[in-house]
PDB file of N, CA and C in Angstrom:
ATOM      1  N   UNK A   1      -2.898  11.551  -8.996  1.00  0.00           N
ATOM      2  CA  UNK A   1      -2.888  11.947  -7.605  1.00  0.00           C
ATOM      3  C   UNK A   1      -1.988  10.987  -6.835  1.00  0.00           C
ATOM      4  N   UNK A   2      -1.649  11.407  -5.661  1.00  0.00           N
ATOM      5  CA  UNK A   2      -0.774  10.590  -4.837  1.00  0.00           C
ATOM      6  C   UNK A   2      -1.566   9.572  -4.026  1.00  0.00           C
ATOM      7  N   UNK A   3      -0.871   8.538  -3.618  1.00  0.00           N
ATOM      8  CA  UNK A   3      -1.439   7.483  -2.808  1.00  0.00           C
ATOM      9  C   UNK A   3      -1.324   7.861  -1.335  1.00  0.00           C
ATOM     10  N   UNK A   4      -2.277   7.437  -0.509  1.00  0.00           N
ATOM     11  CA  UNK A   4      -2.225   7.692   0.925  1.00  0.00           C
ATOM     12  C   UNK A   4      -1.892   6.396   1.630  1.00  0.00           C
ATOM     13  N   UNK A   5      -1.024   6.458   2.641  1.00  0.00           N
ATOM     14  CA  UNK A   5      -0.594   5.270   3.373  1.00  0.00           C
ATOM     15  C   UNK A   5      -0.905   5.445   4.854  1.00  0.00           C
ATOM     16  N   UNK A   6      -1.355   4.387   5.516  1.00  0.00           N
ATOM     17  CA  UNK A   6      -1.599   4.450   6.959  1.00  0.00           C
ATOM     18  C   UNK A   6      -0.306   4.741   7.705  1.00  0.00           C
ATOM     19  N   UNK A   7       0.809   4.283   7.185  1.00  0.00           N
ATOM     20  CA  UNK A   7       2.100   4.473   7.849  1.00  0.00           C
ATOM     21  C   UNK A   7       2.701   5.840   7.566  1.00  0.00           C
ATOM     22  N   UNK A   8       2.664   6.275   6.315  1.00  0.00           N
ATOM     23  CA  UNK A   8       3.372   7.494   5.911  1.00  0.00           C
ATOM     24  C   UNK A   8       2.470   8.650   5.490  1.00  0.00           C
ATOM     25  N   UNK A   9       1.163   8.471   5.593  1.00  0.00           N
ATOM     26  CA  UNK A   9       0.204   9.495   5.144  1.00  0.00           C
ATOM     27  C   UNK A   9       0.525   9.872   3.698  1.00  0.00           C
ATOM     28  N   UNK A  10       0.816  11.137   3.406  1.00  0.00           N
ATOM     29  CA  UNK A  10       1.153  11.569   2.045  1.00  0.00           C
ATOM     30  C   UNK A  10       2.641  11.836   1.888  1.00  0.00           C
ATOM     31  N   UNK A  11       3.464  11.286   2.794  1.00  0.00           N
ATOM     32  CA  UNK A  11       4.914  11.524   2.741  1.00  0.00           C
ATOM     33  C   UNK A  11       5.522  11.005   1.440  1.00  0.00           C
ATOM     34  N   UNK A  12       5.201   9.774   1.054  1.00  0.00           N
ATOM     35  CA  UNK A  12       5.721   9.201  -0.192  1.00  0.00           C
ATOM     36  C   UNK A  12       4.841   9.670  -1.341  1.00  0.00           C
ATOM     37  N   UNK A  13       5.471  10.217  -2.364  1.00  0.00           N
ATOM     38  CA  UNK A  13       4.720  10.733  -3.513  1.00  0.00           C
ATOM     39  C   UNK A  13       4.803   9.750  -4.669  1.00  0.00           C
ATOM     40  N   UNK A  14       3.642   9.361  -5.180  1.00  0.00           N
ATOM     41  CA  UNK A  14       3.552   8.439  -6.304  1.00  0.00           C
ATOM     42  C   UNK A  14       2.801   9.127  -7.436  1.00  0.00           C
ATOM     43  N   UNK A  15       2.697   8.462  -8.544  1.00  0.00           N
ATOM     44  CA  UNK A  15       1.852   8.968  -9.619  1.00  0.00           C
ATOM     45  C   UNK A  15       2.609   9.702 -10.707  1.00  0.00           C
ATOM     46  N   UNK A  16       1.865  10.152 -11.700  1.00  0.00           N
ATOM     47  CA  UNK A  16       2.419  10.821 -12.874  1.00  0.00           C
ATOM     48  C   UNK A  16       2.309  12.337 -12.790  1.00  0.00           C
ATOM     49  N   UNK A  17       1.431  12.830 -11.939  1.00  0.00           N
ATOM     50  CA  UNK A  17       1.195  14.273 -11.839  1.00  0.00           C
ATOM     51  C   UNK A  17       1.258  14.693 -10.376  1.00  0.00           C
ATOM     52  N   UNK A  18       2.030  15.738 -10.094  1.00  0.00           N
ATOM     53  CA  UNK A  18       2.111  16.293  -8.743  1.00  0.00           C
ATOM     54  C   UNK A  18       1.051  17.375  -8.592  1.00  0.00           C
ATOM     55  N   UNK A  19       0.359  17.372  -7.460  1.00  0.00           N
ATOM     56  CA  UNK A  19      -0.665  18.374  -7.178  1.00  0.00           C
ATOM     57  C   UNK A  19      -0.196  19.199  -5.988  1.00  0.00           C
ATOM     58  N   UNK A  20      -0.054  20.498  -6.192  1.00  0.00           N
ATOM     59  CA  UNK A  20       0.387  21.406  -5.133  1.00  0.00           C
ATOM     60  C   UNK A  20      -0.846  22.042  -4.502  1.00  0.00           C
ATOM     61  N   UNK A  21      -1.210  21.561  -3.318  1.00  0.00           N
ATOM     62  CA  UNK A  21      -2.419  22.043  -2.662  1.00  0.00           C
ATOM     63  C   UNK A  21      -2.257  23.453  -2.109  1.00  0.00           C
ATOM     64  N   UNK A  22      -1.013  23.927  -1.981  1.00  0.00           N
ATOM     65  CA  UNK A  22      -0.785  25.291  -1.490  1.00  0.00           C
ATOM     66  C   UNK A  22      -0.948  26.325  -2.596  1.00  0.00           C
ATOM     67  N   UNK A  23      -0.988  25.881  -3.853  1.00  0.00           N
ATOM     68  CA  UNK A  23      -1.147  26.795  -4.992  1.00  0.00           C
ATOM     69  C   UNK A  23      -2.413  26.452  -5.774  1.00  0.00           C
ATOM     70  N   UNK A  24      -3.521  26.367  -5.054  1.00  0.00           N
ATOM     71  CA  UNK A  24      -4.830  26.114  -5.662  1.00  0.00           C
ATOM     72  C   UNK A  24      -4.862  24.850  -6.514  1.00  0.00           C
ATOM     73  N   UNK A  25      -4.147  23.821  -6.095  1.00  0.00           N
ATOM     74  CA  UNK A  25      -4.181  22.552  -6.806  1.00  0.00           C
ATOM     75  C   UNK A  25      -3.408  22.536  -8.103  1.00  0.00           C
ATOM     76  N   UNK A  26      -2.392  23.390  -8.214  1.00  0.00           N
ATOM     77  CA  UNK A  26      -1.574  23.429  -9.437  1.00  0.00           C
ATOM     78  C   UNK A  26      -1.009  22.041  -9.726  1.00  0.00           C
ATOM     79  N   UNK A  27      -1.150  21.614 -10.970  1.00  0.00           N
ATOM     80  CA  UNK A  27      -0.684  20.287 -11.373  1.00  0.00           C
ATOM     81  C   UNK A  27       0.551  20.412 -12.248  1.00  0.00           C
ATOM     82  N   UNK A  28       1.536  19.548 -11.965  1.00  0.00           N
ATOM     83  CA  UNK A  28       2.788  19.523 -12.708  1.00  0.00           C
ATOM     84  C   UNK A  28       3.089  18.082 -13.088  1.00  0.00           C
ATOM     85  N   UNK A  29       3.417  17.853 -14.348  1.00  0.00           N
ATOM     86  CA  UNK A  29       3.771  16.502 -14.788  1.00  0.00           C
ATOM     87  C   UNK A  29       5.143  16.148 -14.226  1.00  0.00           C
ATOM     88  N   UNK A  30       5.225  14.958 -13.624  1.00  0.00           N
ATOM     89  CA  UNK A  30       6.480  14.482 -13.043  1.00  0.00           C
ATOM     90  C   UNK A  30       7.271  13.699 -14.090  1.00  0.00           C
ATOM     91  N   UNK A  31       8.526  13.377 -13.771  1.00  0.00           N
ATOM     92  CA  UNK A  31       9.360  12.595 -14.697  1.00  0.00           C
ATOM     93  C   UNK A  31       8.674  11.289 -15.076  1.00  0.00           C
ATOM     94  N   UNK A  32       8.000  10.664 -14.117  1.00  0.00           N
ATOM     95  CA  UNK A  32       7.312   9.406 -14.401  1.00  0.00           C
ATOM     96  C   UNK A  32       6.194   9.604 -15.420  1.00  0.00           C
ATOM     97  N   UNK A  33       5.568  10.770 -15.436  1.00  0.00           N
ATOM     98  CA  UNK A  33       4.529  11.065 -16.418  1.00  0.00           C
ATOM     99  C   UNK A  33       5.081  11.161 -17.823  1.00  0.00           C
ATOM    100  N   UNK A  34       6.236  11.815 -17.950  1.00  0.00           N
ATOM    101  CA  UNK A  34       6.881  11.905 -19.269  1.00  0.00           C
ATOM    102  C   UNK A  34       7.368  10.532 -19.729  1.00  0.00           C
ATOM    103  N   UNK A  35       7.866   9.732 -18.783  1.00  0.00           N
ATOM    104  CA  UNK A  35       8.306   8.369 -19.106  1.00  0.00           C
ATOM    105  C   UNK A  35       7.121   7.548 -19.616  1.00  0.00           C
ATOM    106  N   UNK A  36       5.982   7.626 -18.921  1.00  0.00           N
ATOM    107  CA  UNK A  36       4.807   6.864 -19.330  1.00  0.00           C
ATOM    108  C   UNK A  36       4.308   7.308 -20.700  1.00  0.00           C
ATOM    109  N   UNK A  37       4.340   8.606 -20.974  1.00  0.00           N
ATOM    110  CA  UNK A  37       3.937   9.105 -22.291  1.00  0.00           C
ATOM    111  C   UNK A  37       4.810   8.505 -23.382  1.00  0.00           C
ATOM    112  N   UNK A  38       6.110   8.466 -23.157  1.00  0.00           N
ATOM    113  CA  UNK A  38       7.039   7.898 -24.139  1.00  0.00           C
ATOM    114  C   UNK A  38       6.734   6.422 -24.385  1.00  0.00           C
ATOM    115  N   UNK A  39       6.487   5.677 -23.314  1.00  0.00           N
ATOM    116  CA  UNK A  39       6.163   4.251 -23.448  1.00  0.00           C
ATOM    117  C   UNK A  39       4.858   4.078 -24.225  1.00  0.00           C
ATOM    118  N   UNK A  40       3.840   4.867 -23.894  1.00  0.00           N
ATOM    119  CA  UNK A  40       2.556   4.710 -24.583  1.00  0.00           C
ATOM    120  C   UNK A  40       2.624   5.177 -26.038  1.00  0.00           C
ATOM    121  N   UNK A  41       3.412   6.216 -26.318  1.00  0.00           N
ATOM    122  CA  UNK A  41       3.577   6.661 -27.709  1.00  0.00           C
ATOM    123  C   UNK A  41       4.242   5.593 -28.567  1.00  0.00           C
ATOM    124  N   UNK A  42       5.110   4.786 -27.949  1.00  0.00           N
ATOM    125  CA  UNK A  42       5.814   3.723 -28.667  1.00  0.00           C
ATOM    126  C   UNK A  42       5.100   2.381 -28.575  1.00  0.00           C
ATOM    127  N   UNK A  43       3.886   2.374 -28.042  1.00  0.00           N
ATOM    128  CA  UNK A  43       3.116   1.133 -27.868  1.00  0.00           C
ATOM    129  C   UNK A  43       3.871   0.094 -27.061  1.00  0.00           C
ATOM    130  N   UNK A  44       4.591   0.519 -26.050  1.00  0.00           N
ATOM    131  CA  UNK A  44       5.297  -0.405 -25.165  1.00  0.00           C
ATOM    132  C   UNK A  44       6.792  -0.183 -25.204  1.00  0.00           C
ATOM    133  N   UNK A  45       7.507  -1.190 -24.757  1.00  0.00           N
ATOM    134  CA  UNK A  45       8.965  -1.142 -24.683  1.00  0.00           C
ATOM    135  C   UNK A  45       9.598  -1.726 -25.938  1.00  0.00           C
ATOM    136  N   UNK A  46      10.788  -1.252 -26.254  1.00  0.00           N
ATOM    137  CA  UNK A  46      11.564  -1.881 -27.325  1.00  0.00           C
ATOM    138  C   UNK A  46      12.130  -3.193 -26.804  1.00  0.00           C
ATOM    139  N   UNK A  47      12.055  -4.225 -27.621  1.00  0.00           N
ATOM    140  CA  UNK A  47      12.561  -5.535 -27.186  1.00  0.00           C
ATOM    141  C   UNK A  47      13.908  -5.824 -27.795  1.00  0.00           C
TER     142      UNK A  47
END
């Protein structure tokens, strides 16, 4: 889910999954989610 800010409300989108509240909460994996999956599948970063 996204983070809420006192300054920007929900303007800035964070997180691994986007939630579309206009489409009954449809969830879509963001690029950051695929990146995190790749990192976790490889047990971290290549050194």
